[in-house]
Amino acid sequence: MTAPVRIERDGDVAVLVLDNPPLNLFDAATFDALESAVAELGRLTDPALTDRARAVLVRAEGKVVSGGVDVQLFADAAARDDATEVGAQLWTRLLRVEQALEDLPVPTVFAAHALTLTAAFELALACDLLLASEKASFGLVEIVVGLTPSMGGPQRLAERAGSARAKELVFTGQRYDAATLQTWGVVNRVLPVEGFAEAALALARQLATGPTVAHAATKTIVATAVRDGVRAADDVVPAVSGALFDTDDLRGAVTSFLADGPGKATHRGR
């Protein structure tokens, strides 16, 4: 049986694929596979590897990205005498997966080609860039089963769109189209349906050709600013950006820039 989550390789891009037909529901097996796949991405993007992945693309097979979580998972947890403990353990585990994806030292892109609900949407919010096709829609609809999204969605929505928008989306449980969420700052780009998969992969490939170590520094600086404020981000800049002068990325880029000139410089770093 094919795993519901797998990793493919496209040159310098590692591709995490959700493939649990027909609706790509997140059941226990899918969460297990997701946890293993994200751990594998951590190994594949390790700067010590000579053939490391330099960008990550997350996508799904099928007509929808995901119809959400298999509700039987919640029913089984709620039926237990230790339901509170079981629920807390579930969210602790899944938040660690979200954070591991978020902390990968390379750019991450989520490609939403169609309906993207609950856990899949929360997974998308842990990625650096969220691309959506014109027919994509999104929702955190946990209110229908008496839950609040607990895999990192509300707080990451608040980070992108502000607290009021995050509350609106969660409180209403409505589905929002890609264009609306782009105006909110949640979706980075809305692209035509025709050629969407190719365009998403092309962007991931483009990011993979960039200065990967510098991209990791950018992620650290931005994350620090969001969580701790601008001055805290200023404080980490000397260490994370100063270290860039001792990287193949910078040396190669500077050498090429001086030799070939602006607009023609190329490099191949780590």
C-alpha atoms as a PDB file:
ATOM      1  CA  MET A   1       0.000   0.000   0.000  1.00  0.00           C
ATOM      2  CA  THR A   2       1.273   3.456  -0.920  1.00  0.00           C
ATOM      3  CA  ALA A   3       2.020   5.741   2.028  1.00  0.00           C
ATOM      4  CA  PRO A   4      -0.481   8.624   2.352  1.00  0.00           C
ATOM      5  CA  VAL A   5       2.427  11.073   2.526  1.00  0.00           C
ATOM      6  CA  ARG A   6       5.617  10.636   0.542  1.00  0.00           C
ATOM      7  CA  ILE A   7       8.691  12.572  -0.501  1.00  0.00           C
ATOM      8  CA  GLU A   8       9.806  12.915  -4.093  1.00  0.00           C
ATOM      9  CA  ARG A   9      12.916  14.605  -5.385  1.00  0.00           C
ATOM     10  CA  ASP A  10      13.102  17.062  -8.272  1.00  0.00           C
ATOM     11  CA  GLY A  11      16.759  17.995  -8.443  1.00  0.00           C
ATOM     12  CA  ASP A  12      17.410  20.459  -5.625  1.00  0.00           C
ATOM     13  CA  VAL A  13      13.735  20.494  -4.600  1.00  0.00           C
ATOM     14  CA  ALA A  14      12.276  18.022  -2.104  1.00  0.00           C
ATOM     15  CA  VAL A  15       8.552  17.545  -2.755  1.00  0.00           C
ATOM     16  CA  LEU A  16       6.240  16.421   0.048  1.00  0.00           C
ATOM     17  CA  VAL A  17       3.129  14.857  -1.507  1.00  0.00           C
ATOM     18  CA  LEU A  18      -0.196  14.234   0.255  1.00  0.00           C
ATOM     19  CA  ASP A  19      -1.866  11.269  -1.456  1.00  0.00           C
ATOM     20  CA  ASN A  20      -4.674   9.637   0.522  1.00  0.00           C
ATOM     21  CA  PRO A  21      -7.576   9.335  -1.938  1.00  0.00           C
ATOM     22  CA  PRO A  22     -10.302  10.204  -2.436  1.00  0.00           C
ATOM     23  CA  LEU A  23     -10.314  13.253  -0.114  1.00  0.00           C
ATOM     24  CA  ASN A  24      -6.781  13.239   1.323  1.00  0.00           C
ATOM     25  CA  LEU A  25      -8.244  13.049   4.823  1.00  0.00           C
ATOM     26  CA  PHE A  26      -5.858  13.238   7.745  1.00  0.00           C
ATOM     27  CA  ASP A  27      -6.346  10.010   9.671  1.00  0.00           C
ATOM     28  CA  ALA A  28      -3.961   8.354  12.143  1.00  0.00           C
ATOM     29  CA  ALA A  29      -1.904   6.756   9.365  1.00  0.00           C
ATOM     30  CA  THR A  30      -1.610  10.066   7.516  1.00  0.00           C
ATOM     31  CA  PHE A  31      -0.447  11.906  10.617  1.00  0.00           C
ATOM     32  CA  ASP A  32       2.129   9.153  11.234  1.00  0.00           C
ATOM     33  CA  ALA A  33       3.366   9.421   7.654  1.00  0.00           C
ATOM     34  CA  LEU A  34       3.437  13.220   7.835  1.00  0.00           C
ATOM     35  CA  GLU A  35       5.532  13.117  10.991  1.00  0.00           C
ATOM     36  CA  SER A  36       8.027  10.743   9.362  1.00  0.00           C
ATOM     37  CA  ALA A  37       8.122  12.752   6.133  1.00  0.00           C
ATOM     38  CA  VAL A  38       8.826  16.060   7.881  1.00  0.00           C
ATOM     39  CA  ALA A  39      11.590  14.396   9.885  1.00  0.00           C
ATOM     40  CA  GLU A  40      13.041  13.136   6.597  1.00  0.00           C
ATOM     41  CA  LEU A  41      12.882  16.666   5.175  1.00  0.00           C
ATOM     42  CA  GLY A  42      14.988  17.750   8.116  1.00  0.00           C
ATOM     43  CA  ARG A  43      17.634  15.230   7.101  1.00  0.00           C
ATOM     44  CA  LEU A  44      17.419  16.087   3.405  1.00  0.00           C
ATOM     45  CA  THR A  45      17.926  19.806   4.038  1.00  0.00           C
ATOM     46  CA  ASP A  46      20.861  19.354   6.411  1.00  0.00           C
ATOM     47  CA  PRO A  47      23.615  21.793   5.310  1.00  0.00           C
ATOM     48  CA  ALA A  48      26.182  19.051   5.913  1.00  0.00           C
ATOM     49  CA  LEU A  49      24.859  17.051   2.944  1.00  0.00           C
ATOM     50  CA  THR A  50      26.634  17.629  -0.343  1.00  0.00           C
ATOM     51  CA  ASP A  51      23.404  16.976  -2.264  1.00  0.00           C
ATOM     52  CA  ARG A  52      21.030  18.623   0.204  1.00  0.00           C
ATOM     53  CA  ALA A  53      17.596  19.764  -0.882  1.00  0.00           C
ATOM     54  CA  ARG A  54      17.674  23.546  -1.223  1.00  0.00           C
ATOM     55  CA  ALA A  55      13.908  24.133  -1.249  1.00  0.00           C
ATOM     56  CA  VAL A  56      10.756  22.227  -0.309  1.00  0.00           C
ATOM     57  CA  LEU A  57       7.434  22.089  -2.164  1.00  0.00           C
ATOM     58  CA  VAL A  58       4.313  20.716  -0.452  1.00  0.00           C
ATOM     59  CA  ARG A  59       1.494  19.610  -2.761  1.00  0.00           C
ATOM     60  CA  ALA A  60      -1.370  17.131  -2.980  1.00  0.00           C
ATOM     61  CA  GLU A  61      -2.681  14.641  -5.499  1.00  0.00           C
ATOM     62  CA  GLY A  62      -6.354  14.412  -6.442  1.00  0.00           C
ATOM     63  CA  LYS A  63      -9.297  16.743  -6.952  1.00  0.00           C
ATOM     64  CA  VAL A  64      -8.889  18.413  -3.546  1.00  0.00           C
ATOM     65  CA  VAL A  65      -5.892  19.234  -1.405  1.00  0.00           C
ATOM     66  CA  SER A  66      -7.751  17.858   1.606  1.00  0.00           C
ATOM     67  CA  GLY A  67     -11.254  17.510   2.986  1.00  0.00           C
ATOM     68  CA  GLY A  68      -9.820  17.841   6.482  1.00  0.00           C
ATOM     69  CA  VAL A  69      -9.321  15.431   9.372  1.00  0.00           C
ATOM     70  CA  ASP A  70     -11.041  12.049   9.634  1.00  0.00           C
ATOM     71  CA  VAL A  71     -13.543  12.831  12.412  1.00  0.00           C
ATOM     72  CA  GLN A  72     -13.335   9.261  13.689  1.00  0.00           C
ATOM     73  CA  LEU A  73      -9.962  10.238  15.117  1.00  0.00           C
ATOM     74  CA  PHE A  74     -11.678  12.804  17.344  1.00  0.00           C
ATOM     75  CA  ALA A  75     -14.502  10.436  18.236  1.00  0.00           C
ATOM     76  CA  ASP A  76     -12.037   7.794  19.417  1.00  0.00           C
ATOM     77  CA  ALA A  77     -10.185  10.330  21.561  1.00  0.00           C
ATOM     78  CA  ALA A  78     -13.362  11.798  23.059  1.00  0.00           C
ATOM     79  CA  ALA A  79     -14.636   8.341  24.055  1.00  0.00           C
ATOM     80  CA  ARG A  80     -11.668   7.654  26.309  1.00  0.00           C
ATOM     81  CA  ASP A  81     -11.637   8.185  30.059  1.00  0.00           C
ATOM     82  CA  ASP A  82      -8.408  10.179  29.692  1.00  0.00           C
ATOM     83  CA  ALA A  83      -9.759  12.269  26.784  1.00  0.00           C
ATOM     84  CA  THR A  84      -8.169  15.513  27.965  1.00  0.00           C
ATOM     85  CA  GLU A  85      -4.723  13.949  28.193  1.00  0.00           C
ATOM     86  CA  VAL A  86      -5.100  12.184  24.853  1.00  0.00           C
ATOM     87  CA  GLY A  87      -6.177  15.438  23.185  1.00  0.00           C
ATOM     88  CA  ALA A  88      -3.281  17.354  24.685  1.00  0.00           C
ATOM     89  CA  GLN A  89      -0.809  14.709  23.538  1.00  0.00           C
ATOM     90  CA  LEU A  90      -2.232  14.779  20.012  1.00  0.00           C
ATOM     91  CA  TRP A  91      -1.894  18.546  19.672  1.00  0.00           C
ATOM     92  CA  THR A  92       1.563  18.566  21.256  1.00  0.00           C
ATOM     93  CA  ARG A  93       2.733  16.007  18.724  1.00  0.00           C
ATOM     94  CA  LEU A  94       1.207  17.757  15.715  1.00  0.00           C
ATOM     95  CA  LEU A  95       2.481  21.180  16.754  1.00  0.00           C
ATOM     96  CA  ARG A  96       5.981  19.711  16.848  1.00  0.00           C
ATOM     97  CA  VAL A  97       5.503  18.544  13.258  1.00  0.00           C
ATOM     98  CA  GLU A  98       4.295  22.023  12.244  1.00  0.00           C
ATOM     99  CA  GLN A  99       7.255  23.661  13.938  1.00  0.00           C
ATOM    100  CA  ALA A 100       9.713  21.231  12.367  1.00  0.00           C
ATOM    101  CA  LEU A 101       8.367  22.122   8.919  1.00  0.00           C
ATOM    102  CA  GLU A 102       8.443  25.815   9.756  1.00  0.00           C
ATOM    103  CA  ASP A 103      12.033  25.592  11.014  1.00  0.00           C
ATOM    104  CA  LEU A 104      13.508  23.861   7.956  1.00  0.00           C
ATOM    105  CA  PRO A 105      16.617  25.837   6.905  1.00  0.00           C
ATOM    106  CA  VAL A 106      15.399  26.265   3.315  1.00  0.00           C
ATOM    107  CA  PRO A 107      12.464  28.036   1.642  1.00  0.00           C
ATOM    108  CA  THR A 108       9.193  26.093   1.776  1.00  0.00           C
ATOM    109  CA  VAL A 109       6.293  26.521  -0.666  1.00  0.00           C
ATOM    110  CA  PHE A 110       2.767  25.148  -0.285  1.00  0.00           C
ATOM    111  CA  ALA A 111       0.773  24.664  -3.506  1.00  0.00           C
ATOM    112  CA  ALA A 112      -3.008  24.638  -2.978  1.00  0.00           C
ATOM    113  CA  HIS A 113      -4.731  23.674  -6.218  1.00  0.00           C
ATOM    114  CA  ALA A 114      -8.252  23.234  -4.802  1.00  0.00           C
ATOM    115  CA  LEU A 115     -10.213  22.873  -1.535  1.00  0.00           C
ATOM    116  CA  THR A 116      -7.861  23.006   1.463  1.00  0.00           C
ATOM    117  CA  LEU A 117      -9.464  22.397   4.861  1.00  0.00           C
ATOM    118  CA  THR A 118      -8.348  22.173   8.500  1.00  0.00           C
ATOM    119  CA  ALA A 119      -5.057  20.269   8.960  1.00  0.00           C
ATOM    120  CA  ALA A 120      -3.976  20.857   5.370  1.00  0.00           C
ATOM    121  CA  PHE A 121      -4.608  24.595   5.709  1.00  0.00           C
ATOM    122  CA  GLU A 122      -2.675  24.645   8.975  1.00  0.00           C
ATOM    123  CA  LEU A 123       0.169  22.804   7.253  1.00  0.00           C
ATOM    124  CA  ALA A 124       0.121  25.450   4.524  1.00  0.00           C
ATOM    125  CA  LEU A 125       0.393  28.215   7.124  1.00  0.00           C
ATOM    126  CA  ALA A 126       3.612  26.652   8.426  1.00  0.00           C
ATOM    127  CA  CYS A 127       5.235  27.090   5.010  1.00  0.00           C
ATOM    128  CA  ASP A 128       7.079  30.252   3.981  1.00  0.00           C
ATOM    129  CA  LEU A 129       5.017  30.883   0.853  1.00  0.00           C
ATOM    130  CA  LEU A 130       1.437  29.871   0.078  1.00  0.00           C
ATOM    131  CA  LEU A 131       0.455  29.634  -3.585  1.00  0.00           C
ATOM    132  CA  ALA A 132      -3.160  29.059  -4.607  1.00  0.00           C
ATOM    133  CA  SER A 133      -4.901  28.380  -7.873  1.00  0.00           C
ATOM    134  CA  GLU A 134      -7.838  30.566  -8.826  1.00  0.00           C
ATOM    135  CA  LYS A 135     -10.246  27.781  -7.845  1.00  0.00           C
ATOM    136  CA  ALA A 136      -8.660  27.046  -4.467  1.00  0.00           C
ATOM    137  CA  SER A 137     -10.581  27.685  -1.262  1.00  0.00           C
ATOM    138  CA  PHE A 138      -9.630  27.408   2.373  1.00  0.00           C
ATOM    139  CA  GLY A 139     -11.290  26.863   5.715  1.00  0.00           C
ATOM    140  CA  LEU A 140     -10.749  26.056   9.356  1.00  0.00           C
ATOM    141  CA  VAL A 141     -14.126  24.440   9.929  1.00  0.00           C
ATOM    142  CA  GLU A 142     -13.500  22.743  13.278  1.00  0.00           C
ATOM    143  CA  ILE A 143     -16.558  24.433  14.821  1.00  0.00           C
ATOM    144  CA  VAL A 144     -18.723  21.763  13.167  1.00  0.00           C
ATOM    145  CA  VAL A 145     -17.276  19.212  15.614  1.00  0.00           C
ATOM    146  CA  GLY A 146     -16.947  21.552  18.591  1.00  0.00           C
ATOM    147  CA  LEU A 147     -13.209  22.143  18.251  1.00  0.00           C
ATOM    148  CA  THR A 148     -10.905  25.050  17.690  1.00  0.00           C
ATOM    149  CA  PRO A 149      -8.097  24.517  15.169  1.00  0.00           C
ATOM    150  CA  SER A 150      -5.180  23.318  17.275  1.00  0.00           C
ATOM    151  CA  MET A 151      -2.426  22.454  14.814  1.00  0.00           C
ATOM    152  CA  GLY A 152      -1.153  26.009  14.732  1.00  0.00           C
ATOM    153  CA  GLY A 153      -3.733  27.578  12.437  1.00  0.00           C
ATOM    154  CA  PRO A 154      -5.228  30.438  14.474  1.00  0.00           C
ATOM    155  CA  GLN A 155      -1.900  31.824  15.663  1.00  0.00           C
ATOM    156  CA  ARG A 156      -0.323  31.603  12.218  1.00  0.00           C
ATOM    157  CA  LEU A 157      -3.350  33.239  10.663  1.00  0.00           C
ATOM    158  CA  ALA A 158      -3.017  36.027  13.219  1.00  0.00           C
ATOM    159  CA  GLU A 159       0.646  36.343  12.259  1.00  0.00           C
ATOM    160  CA  ARG A 160      -0.262  36.827   8.597  1.00  0.00           C
ATOM    161  CA  ALA A 161      -3.619  38.586   8.705  1.00  0.00           C
ATOM    162  CA  GLY A 162      -4.060  39.996  12.214  1.00  0.00           C
ATOM    163  CA  SER A 163      -6.046  38.753  15.193  1.00  0.00           C
ATOM    164  CA  ALA A 164      -9.462  39.987  14.043  1.00  0.00           C
ATOM    165  CA  ARG A 165      -9.229  38.208  10.694  1.00  0.00           C
ATOM    166  CA  ALA A 166      -8.016  35.017  12.383  1.00  0.00           C
ATOM    167  CA  LYS A 167     -10.978  35.070  14.772  1.00  0.00           C
ATOM    168  CA  GLU A 168     -13.415  35.778  11.952  1.00  0.00           C
ATOM    169  CA  LEU A 169     -12.195  32.851   9.874  1.00  0.00           C
ATOM    170  CA  VAL A 170     -12.279  30.425  12.819  1.00  0.00           C
ATOM    171  CA  PHE A 171     -15.502  31.683  14.454  1.00  0.00           C
ATOM    172  CA  THR A 172     -17.529  31.530  11.225  1.00  0.00           C
ATOM    173  CA  GLY A 173     -16.116  28.244   9.964  1.00  0.00           C
ATOM    174  CA  GLN A 174     -16.650  29.533   6.452  1.00  0.00           C
ATOM    175  CA  ARG A 175     -14.655  28.717   3.345  1.00  0.00           C
ATOM    176  CA  TYR A 176     -12.725  31.597   1.843  1.00  0.00           C
ATOM    177  CA  ASP A 177     -11.592  31.857  -1.745  1.00  0.00           C
ATOM    178  CA  ALA A 178      -7.968  32.376  -2.677  1.00  0.00           C
ATOM    179  CA  ALA A 179      -8.479  35.948  -3.881  1.00  0.00           C
ATOM    180  CA  THR A 180      -9.975  37.011  -0.539  1.00  0.00           C
ATOM    181  CA  LEU A 181      -7.164  35.452   1.442  1.00  0.00           C
ATOM    182  CA  GLN A 182      -4.622  37.105  -0.815  1.00  0.00           C
ATOM    183  CA  THR A 183      -6.068  40.502   0.130  1.00  0.00           C
ATOM    184  CA  TRP A 184      -5.741  39.465   3.778  1.00  0.00           C
ATOM    185  CA  GLY A 185      -2.074  38.600   3.334  1.00  0.00           C
ATOM    186  CA  VAL A 186      -2.598  34.881   3.960  1.00  0.00           C
ATOM    187  CA  VAL A 187      -2.036  33.716   0.371  1.00  0.00           C
ATOM    188  CA  ASN A 188       1.080  35.020  -1.364  1.00  0.00           C
ATOM    189  CA  ARG A 189       0.053  34.501  -4.982  1.00  0.00           C
ATOM    190  CA  VAL A 190      -3.091  33.432  -6.835  1.00  0.00           C
ATOM    191  CA  LEU A 191      -2.238  31.718 -10.121  1.00  0.00           C
ATOM    192  CA  PRO A 192      -4.286  30.424 -13.057  1.00  0.00           C
ATOM    193  CA  VAL A 193      -5.627  26.876 -12.812  1.00  0.00           C
ATOM    194  CA  GLU A 194      -4.016  26.028 -16.128  1.00  0.00           C
ATOM    195  CA  GLY A 195      -0.377  25.267 -15.478  1.00  0.00           C
ATOM    196  CA  PHE A 196      -0.662  25.749 -11.705  1.00  0.00           C
ATOM    197  CA  ALA A 197       1.352  22.679 -10.720  1.00  0.00           C
ATOM    198  CA  GLU A 198       4.132  23.591 -13.119  1.00  0.00           C
ATOM    199  CA  ALA A 199       4.209  27.196 -11.897  1.00  0.00           C
ATOM    200  CA  ALA A 200       4.467  26.106  -8.257  1.00  0.00           C
ATOM    201  CA  LEU A 201       7.324  23.742  -9.040  1.00  0.00           C
ATOM    202  CA  ALA A 202       9.038  26.447 -11.093  1.00  0.00           C
ATOM    203  CA  LEU A 203       8.984  28.811  -8.129  1.00  0.00           C
ATOM    204  CA  ALA A 204      10.405  26.131  -5.835  1.00  0.00           C
ATOM    205  CA  ARG A 205      13.151  25.463  -8.369  1.00  0.00           C
ATOM    206  CA  GLN A 206      13.892  29.189  -8.566  1.00  0.00           C
ATOM    207  CA  LEU A 207      14.197  29.446  -4.787  1.00  0.00           C
ATOM    208  CA  ALA A 208      16.468  26.400  -4.777  1.00  0.00           C
ATOM    209  CA  THR A 209      18.949  28.211  -7.017  1.00  0.00           C
ATOM    210  CA  GLY A 210      19.273  31.057  -4.525  1.00  0.00           C
ATOM    211  CA  PRO A 211      21.669  31.543  -1.609  1.00  0.00           C
ATOM    212  CA  THR A 212      20.206  28.887   0.658  1.00  0.00           C
ATOM    213  CA  VAL A 213      22.222  29.797   3.744  1.00  0.00           C
ATOM    214  CA  ALA A 214      21.186  33.438   3.363  1.00  0.00           C
ATOM    215  CA  HIS A 215      17.560  32.315   3.011  1.00  0.00           C
ATOM    216  CA  ALA A 216      17.903  30.455   6.319  1.00  0.00           C
ATOM    217  CA  ALA A 217      19.215  33.652   7.905  1.00  0.00           C
ATOM    218  CA  THR A 218      16.233  35.557   6.514  1.00  0.00           C
ATOM    219  CA  LYS A 219      13.856  33.014   8.054  1.00  0.00           C
ATOM    220  CA  THR A 220      15.553  33.409  11.427  1.00  0.00           C
ATOM    221  CA  ILE A 221      15.410  37.208  11.309  1.00  0.00           C
ATOM    222  CA  VAL A 222      11.762  37.351  10.232  1.00  0.00           C
ATOM    223  CA  ALA A 223      10.647  34.728  12.759  1.00  0.00           C
ATOM    224  CA  THR A 224      12.433  36.592  15.550  1.00  0.00           C
ATOM    225  CA  ALA A 225      10.793  39.870  14.542  1.00  0.00           C
ATOM    226  CA  VAL A 226       7.331  38.315  14.511  1.00  0.00           C
ATOM    227  CA  ARG A 227       7.719  36.531  17.830  1.00  0.00           C
ATOM    228  CA  ASP A 228       9.884  38.938  19.799  1.00  0.00           C
ATOM    229  CA  GLY A 229       9.839  42.294  17.997  1.00  0.00           C
ATOM    230  CA  VAL A 230      12.007  44.292  15.616  1.00  0.00           C
ATOM    231  CA  ARG A 231      14.712  45.135  18.143  1.00  0.00           C
ATOM    232  CA  ALA A 232      15.094  41.471  19.023  1.00  0.00           C
ATOM    233  CA  ALA A 233      15.536  40.737  15.327  1.00  0.00           C
ATOM    234  CA  ASP A 234      18.173  43.482  15.173  1.00  0.00           C
ATOM    235  CA  ASP A 235      20.012  41.707  17.965  1.00  0.00           C
ATOM    236  CA  VAL A 236      20.294  38.414  16.034  1.00  0.00           C
ATOM    237  CA  VAL A 237      21.420  40.006  12.763  1.00  0.00           C
ATOM    238  CA  PRO A 238      25.153  40.318  13.554  1.00  0.00           C
ATOM    239  CA  ALA A 239      25.460  36.616  14.361  1.00  0.00           C
ATOM    240  CA  VAL A 240      23.279  35.123  11.620  1.00  0.00           C
ATOM    241  CA  SER A 241      24.252  37.557   8.871  1.00  0.00           C
ATOM    242  CA  GLY A 242      27.871  37.907   9.896  1.00  0.00           C
ATOM    243  CA  ALA A 243      28.301  34.163   9.488  1.00  0.00           C
ATOM    244  CA  LEU A 244      27.270  34.453   5.827  1.00  0.00           C
ATOM    245  CA  PHE A 245      30.703  35.878   4.964  1.00  0.00           C
ATOM    246  CA  ASP A 246      32.148  32.441   5.704  1.00  0.00           C
ATOM    247  CA  THR A 247      29.888  30.497   3.305  1.00  0.00           C
ATOM    248  CA  ASP A 248      30.273  29.055  -0.186  1.00  0.00           C
ATOM    249  CA  ASP A 249      27.032  30.818  -1.084  1.00  0.00           C
ATOM    250  CA  LEU A 250      28.478  34.286  -0.535  1.00  0.00           C
ATOM    251  CA  ARG A 251      31.971  33.568  -1.829  1.00  0.00           C
ATOM    252  CA  GLY A 252      30.661  32.075  -5.052  1.00  0.00           C
ATOM    253  CA  ALA A 253      28.121  34.826  -5.615  1.00  0.00           C
ATOM    254  CA  VAL A 254      30.612  37.629  -4.967  1.00  0.00           C
ATOM    255  CA  THR A 255      33.228  36.054  -7.238  1.00  0.00           C
ATOM    256  CA  SER A 256      30.680  35.653 -10.021  1.00  0.00           C
ATOM    257  CA  PHE A 257      29.330  39.185  -9.537  1.00  0.00           C
ATOM    258  CA  LEU A 258      32.793  40.712  -9.833  1.00  0.00           C
ATOM    259  CA  ALA A 259      33.682  38.588 -12.835  1.00  0.00           C
ATOM    260  CA  ASP A 260      30.383  38.663 -14.751  1.00  0.00           C
ATOM    261  CA  GLY A 261      28.654  41.830 -13.558  1.00  0.00           C
ATOM    262  CA  PRO A 262      25.137  42.591 -12.291  1.00  0.00           C
ATOM    263  CA  GLY A 263      22.363  40.491 -13.757  1.00  0.00           C
ATOM    264  CA  LYS A 264      24.748  37.786 -14.939  1.00  0.00           C
ATOM    265  CA  ALA A 265      26.142  36.576 -11.643  1.00  0.00           C
ATOM    266  CA  THR A 266      25.576  32.933 -10.757  1.00  0.00           C
ATOM    267  CA  HIS A 267      26.599  30.838  -7.826  1.00  0.00           C
ATOM    268  CA  ARG A 268      26.325  27.386  -6.413  1.00  0.00           C
ATOM    269  CA  GLY A 269      26.488  27.322  -2.633  1.00  0.00           C
ATOM    270  CA  ARG A 270      25.220  25.086   0.131  1.00  0.00           C
END
